Amino acid sequence: MAGQPEQAVELIQIDRITIANPRVRNKRSFRELADSISELGLKKPITVTLRDGSDGPRYDLVCGQGRMEAYQALGQTEIPAFVIDAEPEDRMVKSLVENCARRHHGAIDLLHDIEGMKQRGHVEADIARKTGLSLEYVRGVTSLLEKGEQRLLRAVESGNMPVSVAVAIADADDSMVQDALQQAYEQKLLRGRKLLIAKRLVENRRRRGKGLRVAMPKRTKTLSSGALVRAYKESTDRKRLLVRKADSTRSRLIFMTEAFRNLLDDENFVTLLRAEKLETLPRNLADRIQRGEAA
């Protein structure tokens, strides 16, 4: 696909685009992207391939899932797109390249793209050559993916654990995992903060399993005007109750301060306290009594 002439931008119906390999997006990053598009517009069109459908032209998404979903969230039905002609393998590589270049890509995205290329028949050496990754890295990632080691994969992708250490942990049984960590420490592959992260990861992997649970975004309910008024009223009632409690506490504190002040004016009571070694008071209470006496 290198040297391909620049494509013209076309306006395409979003509902005619299919996402072949959807990914779960970080909600905060998604909001930032949607806000940026709303204020500045779409900086870069998405990329799709054209295919024939029973009801007219259809498109497969190559790059730009986040941009397309943000466009949909903003109420748009059409989106600018580059329409390219590419084979499935080329589409996968292009998607993988974008994942490599993305500043804040998901920790598992790149790794699953490697898995997709493996499933399409690419050998590990071919994947390493096309992606610019080392053969050792590709082999390690492939091994971890086959074993479902998503926790270890996330640690590898985030840079908290070398792929060789992750593979050693995946290959070891529960009784030998600590030995793998000790060996990584002795070889200076895991030190300091990374070692603590690795120990915590191993414990979570033992208790919760190899996979990661993906939290589904909760649906927000649309509030009616009546529900909004009720929520405002409930909030006001809670604040009034808090004020009443604060006033009651203040009154009790004033009463206790005056009571202690009167007792401390009695010399016999003070002598008794000294005899029982109870002559000290909490600092805040003592300060209040002294301020009262000074006044």
C-alpha atoms as a PDB file:
ATOM      1  CA  MET A   1       0.000   0.000   0.000  1.00  0.00           C
ATOM      2  CA  ALA A   2       3.050   2.236   0.011  1.00  0.00           C
ATOM      3  CA  GLY A   3       3.085   4.792  -2.744  1.00  0.00           C
ATOM      4  CA  GLN A   4      -0.696   4.687  -3.080  1.00  0.00           C
ATOM      5  CA  PRO A   5      -2.093   7.946  -4.516  1.00  0.00           C
ATOM      6  CA  GLU A   6      -3.881  10.251  -2.115  1.00  0.00           C
ATOM      7  CA  GLN A   7      -7.566   9.402  -1.824  1.00  0.00           C
ATOM      8  CA  ALA A   8     -10.395  11.866  -2.185  1.00  0.00           C
ATOM      9  CA  VAL A   9     -12.564  12.362   0.884  1.00  0.00           C
ATOM     10  CA  GLU A  10     -16.136  11.088   0.585  1.00  0.00           C
ATOM     11  CA  LEU A  11     -19.124  11.698   2.853  1.00  0.00           C
ATOM     12  CA  ILE A  12     -20.477   8.297   3.949  1.00  0.00           C
ATOM     13  CA  GLN A  13     -23.540   7.218   5.917  1.00  0.00           C
ATOM     14  CA  ILE A  14     -22.328   5.934   9.297  1.00  0.00           C
ATOM     15  CA  ASP A  15     -25.009   3.228   9.474  1.00  0.00           C
ATOM     16  CA  ARG A  16     -23.537   1.616   6.358  1.00  0.00           C
ATOM     17  CA  ILE A  17     -20.127   1.087   7.984  1.00  0.00           C
ATOM     18  CA  THR A  18     -19.274  -2.220   9.660  1.00  0.00           C
ATOM     19  CA  ILE A  19     -16.641  -2.488  12.401  1.00  0.00           C
ATOM     20  CA  ALA A  20     -14.962  -5.845  11.905  1.00  0.00           C
ATOM     21  CA  ASN A  21     -12.815  -5.702  15.049  1.00  0.00           C
ATOM     22  CA  PRO A  22     -14.541  -3.459  17.616  1.00  0.00           C
ATOM     23  CA  ARG A  23     -12.654  -2.300  20.691  1.00  0.00           C
ATOM     24  CA  VAL A  24     -13.809  -1.057  24.090  1.00  0.00           C
ATOM     25  CA  ARG A  25     -12.842   2.592  24.511  1.00  0.00           C
ATOM     26  CA  ASN A  26     -11.767   4.486  27.627  1.00  0.00           C
ATOM     27  CA  LYS A  27     -14.720   6.712  28.562  1.00  0.00           C
ATOM     28  CA  ARG A  28     -12.574   9.695  29.551  1.00  0.00           C
ATOM     29  CA  SER A  29     -10.534   9.579  26.336  1.00  0.00           C
ATOM     30  CA  PHE A  30     -13.742   9.166  24.337  1.00  0.00           C
ATOM     31  CA  ARG A  31     -15.278  12.280  25.930  1.00  0.00           C
ATOM     32  CA  GLU A  32     -12.123  14.276  25.199  1.00  0.00           C
ATOM     33  CA  LEU A  33     -12.196  13.124  21.576  1.00  0.00           C
ATOM     34  CA  ALA A  34     -15.889  13.995  21.206  1.00  0.00           C
ATOM     35  CA  ASP A  35     -15.317  17.435  22.769  1.00  0.00           C
ATOM     36  CA  SER A  36     -12.380  18.078  20.427  1.00  0.00           C
ATOM     37  CA  ILE A  37     -14.442  17.140  17.362  1.00  0.00           C
ATOM     38  CA  SER A  38     -17.343  19.264  18.568  1.00  0.00           C
ATOM     39  CA  GLU A  39     -15.124  22.342  19.014  1.00  0.00           C
ATOM     40  CA  LEU A  40     -12.565  21.965  16.224  1.00  0.00           C
ATOM     41  CA  GLY A  41     -14.133  19.521  13.784  1.00  0.00           C
ATOM     42  CA  LEU A  42     -12.779  16.245  12.446  1.00  0.00           C
ATOM     43  CA  LYS A  43      -9.035  16.638  11.891  1.00  0.00           C
ATOM     44  CA  LYS A  44      -8.537  13.354  10.021  1.00  0.00           C
ATOM     45  CA  PRO A  45     -11.171  11.386   8.055  1.00  0.00           C
ATOM     46  CA  ILE A  46     -11.682   7.727   8.868  1.00  0.00           C
ATOM     47  CA  THR A  47     -10.533   5.026   6.441  1.00  0.00           C
ATOM     48  CA  VAL A  48     -12.867   2.374   4.994  1.00  0.00           C
ATOM     49  CA  THR A  49     -12.996  -0.186   2.195  1.00  0.00           C
ATOM     50  CA  LEU A  50     -15.927  -0.542  -0.174  1.00  0.00           C
ATOM     51  CA  ARG A  51     -17.876  -3.769  -0.697  1.00  0.00           C
ATOM     52  CA  ASP A  52     -21.127  -4.658  -2.390  1.00  0.00           C
ATOM     53  CA  GLY A  53     -24.210  -5.177  -0.241  1.00  0.00           C
ATOM     54  CA  SER A  54     -27.667  -6.485  -1.027  1.00  0.00           C
ATOM     55  CA  ASP A  55     -29.137  -3.025  -0.374  1.00  0.00           C
ATOM     56  CA  GLY A  56     -26.366  -0.977  -1.949  1.00  0.00           C
ATOM     57  CA  PRO A  57     -22.749  -0.112  -1.177  1.00  0.00           C
ATOM     58  CA  ARG A  58     -21.398  -1.137   2.230  1.00  0.00           C
ATOM     59  CA  TYR A  59     -18.121  -0.250   3.934  1.00  0.00           C
ATOM     60  CA  ASP A  60     -15.711  -2.002   6.286  1.00  0.00           C
ATOM     61  CA  LEU A  61     -13.870   0.183   8.779  1.00  0.00           C
ATOM     62  CA  VAL A  62     -10.071   0.116   8.561  1.00  0.00           C
ATOM     63  CA  CYS A  63      -9.082   3.003  10.866  1.00  0.00           C
ATOM     64  CA  GLY A  64     -11.027   5.457  12.990  1.00  0.00           C
ATOM     65  CA  GLN A  65     -13.489   3.628  15.253  1.00  0.00           C
ATOM     66  CA  GLY A  66     -13.148   6.245  17.991  1.00  0.00           C
ATOM     67  CA  ARG A  67     -13.678   9.141  15.569  1.00  0.00           C
ATOM     68  CA  MET A  68     -16.722   7.456  14.032  1.00  0.00           C
ATOM     69  CA  GLU A  69     -18.338   6.688  17.399  1.00  0.00           C
ATOM     70  CA  ALA A  70     -17.659  10.244  18.584  1.00  0.00           C
ATOM     71  CA  TYR A  71     -19.333  11.540  15.415  1.00  0.00           C
ATOM     72  CA  GLN A  72     -22.352   9.346  16.175  1.00  0.00           C
ATOM     73  CA  ALA A  73     -22.467  10.568  19.791  1.00  0.00           C
ATOM     74  CA  LEU A  74     -22.596  14.135  18.475  1.00  0.00           C
ATOM     75  CA  GLY A  75     -25.714  13.266  16.465  1.00  0.00           C
ATOM     76  CA  GLN A  76     -24.076  13.094  13.034  1.00  0.00           C
ATOM     77  CA  THR A  77     -25.316  10.558  10.474  1.00  0.00           C
ATOM     78  CA  GLU A  78     -22.528  11.049   7.899  1.00  0.00           C
ATOM     79  CA  ILE A  79     -18.753  11.174   8.281  1.00  0.00           C
ATOM     80  CA  PRO A  80     -15.854  12.109   5.952  1.00  0.00           C
ATOM     81  CA  ALA A  81     -13.853   9.047   4.939  1.00  0.00           C
ATOM     82  CA  PHE A  82     -11.053   7.839   2.710  1.00  0.00           C
ATOM     83  CA  VAL A  83     -12.264   4.875   0.621  1.00  0.00           C
ATOM     84  CA  ILE A  84      -9.361   2.569  -0.182  1.00  0.00           C
ATOM     85  CA  ASP A  85      -9.012  -0.704  -2.079  1.00  0.00           C
ATOM     86  CA  ALA A  86      -7.162  -3.185   0.146  1.00  0.00           C
ATOM     87  CA  GLU A  87      -7.009  -6.904   0.801  1.00  0.00           C
ATOM     88  CA  PRO A  88      -7.934  -8.215   4.297  1.00  0.00           C
ATOM     89  CA  GLU A  89      -4.265  -8.677   5.206  1.00  0.00           C
ATOM     90  CA  ASP A  90      -3.441  -5.119   4.166  1.00  0.00           C
ATOM     91  CA  ARG A  91      -6.374  -3.784   6.182  1.00  0.00           C
ATOM     92  CA  MET A  92      -5.087  -5.611   9.246  1.00  0.00           C
ATOM     93  CA  VAL A  93      -1.585  -4.218   8.817  1.00  0.00           C
ATOM     94  CA  LYS A  94      -2.897  -0.665   8.340  1.00  0.00           C
ATOM     95  CA  SER A  95      -4.998  -0.986  11.481  1.00  0.00           C
ATOM     96  CA  LEU A  96      -1.988  -2.328  13.342  1.00  0.00           C
ATOM     97  CA  VAL A  97       0.215   0.550  12.186  1.00  0.00           C
ATOM     98  CA  GLU A  98      -2.337   3.050  13.451  1.00  0.00           C
ATOM     99  CA  ASN A  99      -2.417   1.278  16.820  1.00  0.00           C
ATOM    100  CA  CYS A 100       1.384   1.516  17.026  1.00  0.00           C
ATOM    101  CA  ALA A 101       1.271   5.234  16.252  1.00  0.00           C
ATOM    102  CA  ARG A 102      -1.627   6.064  18.561  1.00  0.00           C
ATOM    103  CA  ARG A 103      -0.461   8.130  21.520  1.00  0.00           C
ATOM    104  CA  HIS A 104      -2.784   6.570  24.103  1.00  0.00           C
ATOM    105  CA  HIS A 105      -3.857   3.286  22.565  1.00  0.00           C
ATOM    106  CA  GLY A 106      -5.474   0.583  24.659  1.00  0.00           C
ATOM    107  CA  ALA A 107      -3.056  -1.807  26.339  1.00  0.00           C
ATOM    108  CA  ILE A 108      -4.478  -4.880  24.603  1.00  0.00           C
ATOM    109  CA  ASP A 109      -5.258  -3.429  21.141  1.00  0.00           C
ATOM    110  CA  LEU A 110      -1.819  -3.930  19.603  1.00  0.00           C
ATOM    111  CA  LEU A 111      -1.506  -7.406  21.047  1.00  0.00           C
ATOM    112  CA  HIS A 112      -4.837  -8.575  19.673  1.00  0.00           C
ATOM    113  CA  ASP A 113      -3.917  -7.207  16.258  1.00  0.00           C
ATOM    114  CA  ILE A 114      -0.843  -9.437  16.370  1.00  0.00           C
ATOM    115  CA  GLU A 115      -3.160 -12.314  17.237  1.00  0.00           C
ATOM    116  CA  GLY A 116      -5.370 -11.430  14.259  1.00  0.00           C
ATOM    117  CA  MET A 117      -2.408 -11.537  11.875  1.00  0.00           C
ATOM    118  CA  LYS A 118      -1.377 -14.897  13.340  1.00  0.00           C
ATOM    119  CA  GLN A 119      -4.872 -16.283  12.762  1.00  0.00           C
ATOM    120  CA  ARG A 120      -4.773 -15.062   9.167  1.00  0.00           C
ATOM    121  CA  GLY A 121      -1.781 -17.272   8.480  1.00  0.00           C
ATOM    122  CA  HIS A 122       1.130 -14.882   8.968  1.00  0.00           C
ATOM    123  CA  VAL A 123       4.184 -16.493  10.520  1.00  0.00           C
ATOM    124  CA  GLU A 124       5.871 -14.818  13.477  1.00  0.00           C
ATOM    125  CA  ALA A 125       8.879 -13.658  11.437  1.00  0.00           C
ATOM    126  CA  ASP A 126       6.535 -12.035   8.897  1.00  0.00           C
ATOM    127  CA  ILE A 127       4.601 -10.260  11.671  1.00  0.00           C
ATOM    128  CA  ALA A 128       7.831  -8.970  13.203  1.00  0.00           C
ATOM    129  CA  ARG A 129       9.029  -7.658   9.838  1.00  0.00           C
ATOM    130  CA  LYS A 130       5.751  -5.880   9.012  1.00  0.00           C
ATOM    131  CA  THR A 131       5.266  -4.312  12.439  1.00  0.00           C
ATOM    132  CA  GLY A 132       8.886  -3.463  13.231  1.00  0.00           C
ATOM    133  CA  LEU A 133       8.717  -5.455  16.481  1.00  0.00           C
ATOM    134  CA  SER A 134      11.382  -7.929  17.542  1.00  0.00           C
ATOM    135  CA  LEU A 135      10.861 -11.613  16.793  1.00  0.00           C
ATOM    136  CA  GLU A 136      11.267 -12.445  20.487  1.00  0.00           C
ATOM    137  CA  TYR A 137       8.526  -9.966  21.378  1.00  0.00           C
ATOM    138  CA  VAL A 138       6.128 -11.353  18.757  1.00  0.00           C
ATOM    139  CA  ARG A 139       6.783 -14.937  19.857  1.00  0.00           C
ATOM    140  CA  GLY A 140       6.245 -14.045  23.498  1.00  0.00           C
ATOM    141  CA  VAL A 141       3.034 -12.138  22.785  1.00  0.00           C
ATOM    142  CA  THR A 142       1.707 -14.993  20.640  1.00  0.00           C
ATOM    143  CA  SER A 143       2.412 -17.481  23.428  1.00  0.00           C
ATOM    144  CA  LEU A 144       0.669 -15.306  26.029  1.00  0.00           C
ATOM    145  CA  LEU A 145      -2.340 -14.768  23.762  1.00  0.00           C
ATOM    146  CA  GLU A 146      -2.725 -18.499  23.162  1.00  0.00           C
ATOM    147  CA  LYS A 147      -2.791 -19.053  26.933  1.00  0.00           C
ATOM    148  CA  GLY A 148      -5.286 -16.235  27.585  1.00  0.00           C
ATOM    149  CA  GLU A 149      -2.818 -14.324  29.783  1.00  0.00           C
ATOM    150  CA  GLN A 150      -4.464 -10.906  29.499  1.00  0.00           C
ATOM    151  CA  ARG A 151      -3.123  -9.630  32.824  1.00  0.00           C
ATOM    152  CA  LEU A 152       0.431 -10.445  31.818  1.00  0.00           C
ATOM    153  CA  LEU A 153      -0.164  -8.981  28.361  1.00  0.00           C
ATOM    154  CA  ARG A 154      -1.274  -5.678  29.834  1.00  0.00           C
ATOM    155  CA  ALA A 155       1.845  -5.562  32.018  1.00  0.00           C
ATOM    156  CA  VAL A 156       4.030  -6.226  28.954  1.00  0.00           C
ATOM    157  CA  GLU A 157       2.347  -3.571  26.802  1.00  0.00           C
ATOM    158  CA  SER A 158       2.463  -0.945  29.589  1.00  0.00           C
ATOM    159  CA  GLY A 159       6.210  -1.535  29.999  1.00  0.00           C
ATOM    160  CA  ASN A 160       5.957  -2.846  33.570  1.00  0.00           C
ATOM    161  CA  MET A 161       7.223  -6.332  32.697  1.00  0.00           C
ATOM    162  CA  PRO A 162       9.572  -7.691  29.994  1.00  0.00           C
ATOM    163  CA  VAL A 163       7.901 -10.166  27.679  1.00  0.00           C
ATOM    164  CA  SER A 164      10.464 -12.838  28.635  1.00  0.00           C
ATOM    165  CA  VAL A 165       9.457 -12.569  32.314  1.00  0.00           C
ATOM    166  CA  ALA A 166       5.760 -12.714  31.427  1.00  0.00           C
ATOM    167  CA  VAL A 167       6.329 -15.886  29.392  1.00  0.00           C
ATOM    168  CA  ALA A 168       8.306 -17.432  32.281  1.00  0.00           C
ATOM    169  CA  ILE A 169       5.433 -16.697  34.696  1.00  0.00           C
ATOM    170  CA  ALA A 170       2.864 -18.097  32.252  1.00  0.00           C
ATOM    171  CA  ASP A 171       4.881 -21.308  31.841  1.00  0.00           C
ATOM    172  CA  ALA A 172       5.387 -21.799  35.589  1.00  0.00           C
ATOM    173  CA  ASP A 173       2.881 -23.479  37.892  1.00  0.00           C
ATOM    174  CA  ASP A 174       1.698 -21.728  41.072  1.00  0.00           C
ATOM    175  CA  SER A 175       4.529 -23.138  43.177  1.00  0.00           C
ATOM    176  CA  MET A 176       7.201 -21.927  40.722  1.00  0.00           C
ATOM    177  CA  VAL A 177       5.928 -18.400  40.012  1.00  0.00           C
ATOM    178  CA  GLN A 178       7.876 -16.925  42.936  1.00  0.00           C
ATOM    179  CA  ASP A 179      11.018 -18.576  41.597  1.00  0.00           C
ATOM    180  CA  ALA A 180      10.405 -16.863  38.234  1.00  0.00           C
ATOM    181  CA  LEU A 181      10.089 -13.495  39.992  1.00  0.00           C
ATOM    182  CA  GLN A 182      13.260 -14.156  42.006  1.00  0.00           C
ATOM    183  CA  GLN A 183      15.168 -15.040  38.848  1.00  0.00           C
ATOM    184  CA  ALA A 184      13.921 -11.873  37.116  1.00  0.00           C
ATOM    185  CA  TYR A 185      15.104  -9.849  40.138  1.00  0.00           C
ATOM    186  CA  GLU A 186      18.544 -11.450  40.098  1.00  0.00           C
ATOM    187  CA  GLN A 187      18.857 -10.770  36.359  1.00  0.00           C
ATOM    188  CA  LYS A 188      17.884  -7.112  37.022  1.00  0.00           C
ATOM    189  CA  LEU A 189      14.793  -7.437  34.797  1.00  0.00           C
ATOM    190  CA  LEU A 190      12.446  -6.444  37.629  1.00  0.00           C
ATOM    191  CA  ARG A 191      13.524  -3.944  40.272  1.00  0.00           C
ATOM    192  CA  GLY A 192      11.872  -1.405  42.534  1.00  0.00           C
ATOM    193  CA  ARG A 193       8.406  -0.289  41.485  1.00  0.00           C
ATOM    194  CA  LYS A 194       8.192  -2.799  38.634  1.00  0.00           C
ATOM    195  CA  LEU A 195       8.899  -5.669  41.031  1.00  0.00           C
ATOM    196  CA  LEU A 196       6.098  -4.518  43.350  1.00  0.00           C
ATOM    197  CA  ILE A 197       3.720  -4.254  40.386  1.00  0.00           C
ATOM    198  CA  ALA A 198       4.718  -7.752  39.247  1.00  0.00           C
ATOM    199  CA  LYS A 199       4.086  -9.243  42.700  1.00  0.00           C
ATOM    200  CA  ARG A 200       0.682  -7.581  42.891  1.00  0.00           C
ATOM    201  CA  LEU A 201      -0.155  -8.777  39.368  1.00  0.00           C
ATOM    202  CA  VAL A 202       0.827 -12.370  40.205  1.00  0.00           C
ATOM    203  CA  GLU A 203      -1.400 -12.322  43.283  1.00  0.00           C
ATOM    204  CA  ASN A 204      -4.359 -10.916  41.316  1.00  0.00           C
ATOM    205  CA  ARG A 205      -3.762 -13.505  38.608  1.00  0.00           C
ATOM    206  CA  ARG A 206      -3.817 -16.277  41.211  1.00  0.00           C
ATOM    207  CA  ARG A 207      -7.017 -15.038  42.877  1.00  0.00           C
ATOM    208  CA  ARG A 208      -8.970 -13.687  39.909  1.00  0.00           C
ATOM    209  CA  GLY A 209      -7.640 -15.595  36.941  1.00  0.00           C
ATOM    210  CA  LYS A 210      -5.667 -14.774  33.807  1.00  0.00           C
ATOM    211  CA  GLY A 211      -8.324 -12.663  32.051  1.00  0.00           C
ATOM    212  CA  LEU A 212      -9.466  -9.092  32.552  1.00  0.00           C
ATOM    213  CA  ARG A 213     -13.016  -8.050  33.235  1.00  0.00           C
ATOM    214  CA  VAL A 214     -14.185  -5.255  30.941  1.00  0.00           C
ATOM    215  CA  ALA A 215     -16.558  -2.865  32.670  1.00  0.00           C
ATOM    216  CA  MET A 216     -19.521  -2.039  30.480  1.00  0.00           C
ATOM    217  CA  PRO A 217     -20.548   1.611  30.494  1.00  0.00           C
ATOM    218  CA  LYS A 218     -23.745   2.280  32.406  1.00  0.00           C
ATOM    219  CA  ARG A 219     -26.659   3.765  30.566  1.00  0.00           C
ATOM    220  CA  THR A 220     -27.568   7.212  31.730  1.00  0.00           C
ATOM    221  CA  LYS A 221     -31.222   7.855  32.407  1.00  0.00           C
ATOM    222  CA  THR A 222     -32.897  10.965  31.008  1.00  0.00           C
ATOM    223  CA  LEU A 223     -34.366  12.987  33.889  1.00  0.00           C
ATOM    224  CA  SER A 224     -37.802  14.507  33.517  1.00  0.00           C
ATOM    225  CA  SER A 225     -38.530  17.948  34.963  1.00  0.00           C
ATOM    226  CA  GLY A 226     -40.486  16.340  37.825  1.00  0.00           C
ATOM    227  CA  ALA A 227     -37.611  13.997  38.668  1.00  0.00           C
ATOM    228  CA  LEU A 228     -35.197  16.916  38.587  1.00  0.00           C
ATOM    229  CA  VAL A 229     -37.356  18.910  41.008  1.00  0.00           C
ATOM    230  CA  ARG A 230     -37.583  15.901  43.356  1.00  0.00           C
ATOM    231  CA  ALA A 231     -33.808  15.425  43.260  1.00  0.00           C
ATOM    232  CA  TYR A 232     -33.295  19.129  44.031  1.00  0.00           C
ATOM    233  CA  LYS A 233     -35.777  18.936  46.913  1.00  0.00           C
ATOM    234  CA  GLU A 234     -34.116  15.842  48.373  1.00  0.00           C
ATOM    235  CA  SER A 235     -30.722  17.527  48.168  1.00  0.00           C
ATOM    236  CA  THR A 236     -32.120  20.636  49.919  1.00  0.00           C
ATOM    237  CA  ASP A 237     -33.676  18.513  52.685  1.00  0.00           C
ATOM    238  CA  ARG A 238     -30.377  16.701  53.255  1.00  0.00           C
ATOM    239  CA  LYS A 239     -28.533  20.022  53.578  1.00  0.00           C
ATOM    240  CA  ARG A 240     -31.134  21.389  56.014  1.00  0.00           C
ATOM    241  CA  LEU A 241     -30.765  18.255  58.141  1.00  0.00           C
ATOM    242  CA  LEU A 242     -26.996  18.707  58.092  1.00  0.00           C
ATOM    243  CA  VAL A 243     -27.382  22.322  59.286  1.00  0.00           C
ATOM    244  CA  ARG A 244     -29.699  21.217  62.144  1.00  0.00           C
ATOM    245  CA  LYS A 245     -27.175  18.574  63.217  1.00  0.00           C
ATOM    246  CA  ALA A 246     -24.370  21.123  63.126  1.00  0.00           C
ATOM    247  CA  ASP A 247     -26.402  23.573  65.273  1.00  0.00           C
ATOM    248  CA  SER A 248     -27.223  20.807  67.755  1.00  0.00           C
ATOM    249  CA  THR A 249     -23.570  19.762  68.002  1.00  0.00           C
ATOM    250  CA  ARG A 250     -22.510  23.374  68.499  1.00  0.00           C
ATOM    251  CA  SER A 251     -25.020  23.823  71.339  1.00  0.00           C
ATOM    252  CA  ARG A 252     -23.795  20.679  73.070  1.00  0.00           C
ATOM    253  CA  LEU A 253     -20.182  21.785  72.725  1.00  0.00           C
ATOM    254  CA  ILE A 254     -20.990  25.176  74.258  1.00  0.00           C
ATOM    255  CA  PHE A 255     -22.799  23.449  77.148  1.00  0.00           C
ATOM    256  CA  MET A 256     -19.862  21.108  77.807  1.00  0.00           C
ATOM    257  CA  THR A 257     -17.375  23.989  77.668  1.00  0.00           C
ATOM    258  CA  GLU A 258     -19.358  26.036  80.217  1.00  0.00           C
ATOM    259  CA  ALA A 259     -19.824  22.980  82.448  1.00  0.00           C
ATOM    260  CA  PHE A 260     -16.080  22.251  82.499  1.00  0.00           C
ATOM    261  CA  ARG A 261     -15.305  25.905  83.107  1.00  0.00           C
ATOM    262  CA  ASN A 262     -17.566  25.957  86.183  1.00  0.00           C
ATOM    263  CA  LEU A 263     -16.085  22.714  87.496  1.00  0.00           C
ATOM    264  CA  LEU A 264     -12.538  23.975  87.048  1.00  0.00           C
ATOM    265  CA  ASP A 265     -13.417  27.039  89.120  1.00  0.00           C
ATOM    266  CA  ASP A 266     -13.981  24.673  92.081  1.00  0.00           C
ATOM    267  CA  GLU A 267     -10.591  24.206  93.822  1.00  0.00           C
ATOM    268  CA  ASN A 268     -11.698  20.987  95.568  1.00  0.00           C
ATOM    269  CA  PHE A 269     -12.635  19.445  92.203  1.00  0.00           C
ATOM    270  CA  VAL A 270      -9.295  20.463  90.703  1.00  0.00           C
ATOM    271  CA  THR A 271      -7.440  18.948  93.693  1.00  0.00           C
ATOM    272  CA  LEU A 272      -9.339  15.694  93.216  1.00  0.00           C
ATOM    273  CA  LEU A 273      -8.426  15.598  89.529  1.00  0.00           C
ATOM    274  CA  ARG A 274      -4.741  16.099  90.367  1.00  0.00           C
ATOM    275  CA  ALA A 275      -4.850  13.310  92.924  1.00  0.00           C
ATOM    276  CA  GLU A 276      -6.318  10.953  90.328  1.00  0.00           C
ATOM    277  CA  LYS A 277      -3.858  12.219  87.683  1.00  0.00           C
ATOM    278  CA  LEU A 278      -6.714  13.470  85.498  1.00  0.00           C
ATOM    279  CA  GLU A 279      -5.705  17.122  85.374  1.00  0.00           C
ATOM    280  CA  THR A 280      -5.141  17.250  81.611  1.00  0.00           C
ATOM    281  CA  LEU A 281      -7.844  18.061  79.043  1.00  0.00           C
ATOM    282  CA  PRO A 282      -8.123  17.567  75.293  1.00  0.00           C
ATOM    283  CA  ARG A 283      -6.302  20.469  73.641  1.00  0.00           C
ATOM    284  CA  ASN A 284      -9.317  21.784  71.718  1.00  0.00           C
ATOM    285  CA  LEU A 285     -11.475  21.801  74.853  1.00  0.00           C
ATOM    286  CA  ALA A 286      -8.733  23.432  76.930  1.00  0.00           C
ATOM    287  CA  ASP A 287      -8.275  26.154  74.289  1.00  0.00           C
ATOM    288  CA  ARG A 288     -12.000  26.893  74.301  1.00  0.00           C
ATOM    289  CA  ILE A 289     -12.074  27.185  78.103  1.00  0.00           C
ATOM    290  CA  GLN A 290      -9.035  29.462  78.124  1.00  0.00           C
ATOM    291  CA  ARG A 291     -10.495  31.696  75.420  1.00  0.00           C
ATOM    292  CA  GLY A 292     -13.689  31.932  77.464  1.00  0.00           C
ATOM    293  CA  GLU A 293     -11.784  32.887  80.593  1.00  0.00           C
ATOM    294  CA  ALA A 294      -9.784  35.488  78.724  1.00  0.00           C
ATOM    295  CA  ALA A 295     -12.984  36.993  77.371  1.00  0.00           C
END
